[in-house]
């Protein structure tokens, strides 16, 4: 494996894991062009956030993933240094 690939692979993996998930929205039918008028109900409001507004479970998952990325990047860096022959 070439040196640039060894350096870029952990960074690419970290960026892929850090990408936010997509949030889908329900499709809303366009208004009809017919002469009849239909009453359209407004969408229900979003539920109220929790009391403190901070999701500790998501924070723990994020910290765990960040810790793994740091450990794996350090391991790759140390393994790369161990394979370099001496120039003496």
C-alpha atoms as a PDB file:
ATOM      1  CA  UNK A   1       0.000   0.000   0.000  1.00  0.00           C
ATOM      2  CA  UNK A   2       1.426   3.386  -0.969  1.00  0.00           C
ATOM      3  CA  UNK A   3       2.127   6.067   1.603  1.00  0.00           C
ATOM      4  CA  UNK A   4      -0.474   8.593   0.325  1.00  0.00           C
ATOM      5  CA  UNK A   5      -3.157   5.904   0.497  1.00  0.00           C
ATOM      6  CA  UNK A   6      -2.177   5.019   4.079  1.00  0.00           C
ATOM      7  CA  UNK A   7      -2.517   8.671   5.032  1.00  0.00           C
ATOM      8  CA  UNK A   8      -5.767   9.366   3.175  1.00  0.00           C
ATOM      9  CA  UNK A   9      -7.653   6.165   4.014  1.00  0.00           C
ATOM     10  CA  UNK A  10      -8.202   6.970   7.732  1.00  0.00           C
ATOM     11  CA  UNK A  11      -9.180  10.538   6.875  1.00  0.00           C
ATOM     12  CA  UNK A  12     -11.705   9.340   4.281  1.00  0.00           C
ATOM     13  CA  UNK A  13     -13.139   6.827   6.755  1.00  0.00           C
ATOM     14  CA  UNK A  14     -13.480   9.507   9.431  1.00  0.00           C
ATOM     15  CA  UNK A  15     -15.244  11.861   7.027  1.00  0.00           C
ATOM     16  CA  UNK A  16     -17.602   9.097   5.893  1.00  0.00           C
ATOM     17  CA  UNK A  17     -18.521   8.297   9.498  1.00  0.00           C
ATOM     18  CA  UNK A  18     -18.968  11.961  10.370  1.00  0.00           C
ATOM     19  CA  UNK A  19     -21.427  12.678   7.532  1.00  0.00           C
ATOM     20  CA  UNK A  20     -24.903  13.503   8.838  1.00  0.00           C
ATOM     21  CA  UNK A  21     -27.818  11.221   8.017  1.00  0.00           C
ATOM     22  CA  UNK A  22     -30.446  12.391   5.541  1.00  0.00           C
ATOM     23  CA  UNK A  23     -33.795  13.444   6.980  1.00  0.00           C
ATOM     24  CA  UNK A  24     -36.773  12.693   4.764  1.00  0.00           C
ATOM     25  CA  UNK A  25     -39.878  14.866   4.471  1.00  0.00           C
ATOM     26  CA  UNK A  26     -43.275  13.585   3.344  1.00  0.00           C
ATOM     27  CA  UNK A  27     -44.273  14.537  -0.173  1.00  0.00           C
ATOM     28  CA  UNK A  28     -47.110  17.039  -0.424  1.00  0.00           C
ATOM     29  CA  UNK A  29     -49.463  16.797  -3.388  1.00  0.00           C
ATOM     30  CA  UNK A  30     -49.513  19.920  -5.577  1.00  0.00           C
ATOM     31  CA  UNK A  31     -52.762  21.885  -5.626  1.00  0.00           C
ATOM     32  CA  UNK A  32     -55.210  20.682  -8.246  1.00  0.00           C
ATOM     33  CA  UNK A  33     -56.168  22.912 -11.168  1.00  0.00           C
ATOM     34  CA  UNK A  34     -59.766  21.721 -11.265  1.00  0.00           C
ATOM     35  CA  UNK A  35     -62.653  24.058 -10.512  1.00  0.00           C
ATOM     36  CA  UNK A  36     -63.484  22.350  -7.201  1.00  0.00           C
ATOM     37  CA  UNK A  37     -61.772  23.647  -4.124  1.00  0.00           C
ATOM     38  CA  UNK A  38     -60.543  21.132  -1.603  1.00  0.00           C
ATOM     39  CA  UNK A  39     -59.749  21.906   2.007  1.00  0.00           C
ATOM     40  CA  UNK A  40     -56.233  20.837   2.873  1.00  0.00           C
ATOM     41  CA  UNK A  41     -55.376  20.202   6.503  1.00  0.00           C
ATOM     42  CA  UNK A  42     -52.182  21.728   7.853  1.00  0.00           C
ATOM     43  CA  UNK A  43     -49.445  19.223   8.793  1.00  0.00           C
ATOM     44  CA  UNK A  44     -49.193  18.299  12.440  1.00  0.00           C
ATOM     45  CA  UNK A  45     -46.608  20.306  14.406  1.00  0.00           C
ATOM     46  CA  UNK A  46     -43.355  18.630  15.345  1.00  0.00           C
ATOM     47  CA  UNK A  47     -43.198  17.152  18.839  1.00  0.00           C
ATOM     48  CA  UNK A  48     -41.696  19.356  21.533  1.00  0.00           C
ATOM     49  CA  UNK A  49     -38.009  18.704  22.341  1.00  0.00           C
ATOM     50  CA  UNK A  50     -36.954  17.102  25.595  1.00  0.00           C
ATOM     51  CA  UNK A  51     -36.542  19.200  28.704  1.00  0.00           C
ATOM     52  CA  UNK A  52     -32.781  19.823  28.388  1.00  0.00           C
ATOM     53  CA  UNK A  53     -32.622  19.552  24.571  1.00  0.00           C
ATOM     54  CA  UNK A  54     -29.418  17.497  24.592  1.00  0.00           C
ATOM     55  CA  UNK A  55     -29.333  13.854  23.491  1.00  0.00           C
ATOM     56  CA  UNK A  56     -26.771  12.153  25.704  1.00  0.00           C
ATOM     57  CA  UNK A  57     -27.044   8.874  23.788  1.00  0.00           C
ATOM     58  CA  UNK A  58     -26.042  10.517  20.516  1.00  0.00           C
ATOM     59  CA  UNK A  59     -23.211  12.350  22.267  1.00  0.00           C
ATOM     60  CA  UNK A  60     -21.877   9.068  23.677  1.00  0.00           C
ATOM     61  CA  UNK A  61     -21.994   7.409  20.249  1.00  0.00           C
ATOM     62  CA  UNK A  62     -20.206  10.378  18.681  1.00  0.00           C
ATOM     63  CA  UNK A  63     -17.504  10.392  21.344  1.00  0.00           C
ATOM     64  CA  UNK A  64     -16.997   6.642  20.966  1.00  0.00           C
ATOM     65  CA  UNK A  65     -16.636   6.885  17.190  1.00  0.00           C
ATOM     66  CA  UNK A  66     -14.238   9.822  17.517  1.00  0.00           C
ATOM     67  CA  UNK A  67     -12.151   7.833  20.015  1.00  0.00           C
ATOM     68  CA  UNK A  68     -12.007   4.849  17.662  1.00  0.00           C
ATOM     69  CA  UNK A  69     -10.929   7.069  14.768  1.00  0.00           C
ATOM     70  CA  UNK A  70      -8.136   8.559  16.887  1.00  0.00           C
ATOM     71  CA  UNK A  71      -6.953   5.132  18.050  1.00  0.00           C
ATOM     72  CA  UNK A  72      -7.053   3.627  14.558  1.00  0.00           C
ATOM     73  CA  UNK A  73      -5.273   6.627  13.023  1.00  0.00           C
ATOM     74  CA  UNK A  74      -2.575   6.414  15.679  1.00  0.00           C
ATOM     75  CA  UNK A  75      -2.197   2.680  15.050  1.00  0.00           C
ATOM     76  CA  UNK A  76      -1.829   3.234  11.314  1.00  0.00           C
ATOM     77  CA  UNK A  77       0.742   5.973  11.936  1.00  0.00           C
ATOM     78  CA  UNK A  78       2.747   3.781  14.322  1.00  0.00           C
ATOM     79  CA  UNK A  79       2.625   0.787  11.968  1.00  0.00           C
ATOM     80  CA  UNK A  80       3.849   2.987   9.115  1.00  0.00           C
ATOM     81  CA  UNK A  81       6.792   4.207  11.151  1.00  0.00           C
ATOM     82  CA  UNK A  82       7.768   0.687  12.216  1.00  0.00           C
ATOM     83  CA  UNK A  83       8.125  -0.448   8.592  1.00  0.00           C
ATOM     84  CA  UNK A  84      10.475   2.341   7.526  1.00  0.00           C
ATOM     85  CA  UNK A  85      14.013   0.934   7.163  1.00  0.00           C
ATOM     86  CA  UNK A  86      16.924   2.714   8.756  1.00  0.00           C
ATOM     87  CA  UNK A  87      18.983   4.955   6.446  1.00  0.00           C
ATOM     88  CA  UNK A  88      22.263   4.415   8.320  1.00  0.00           C
END
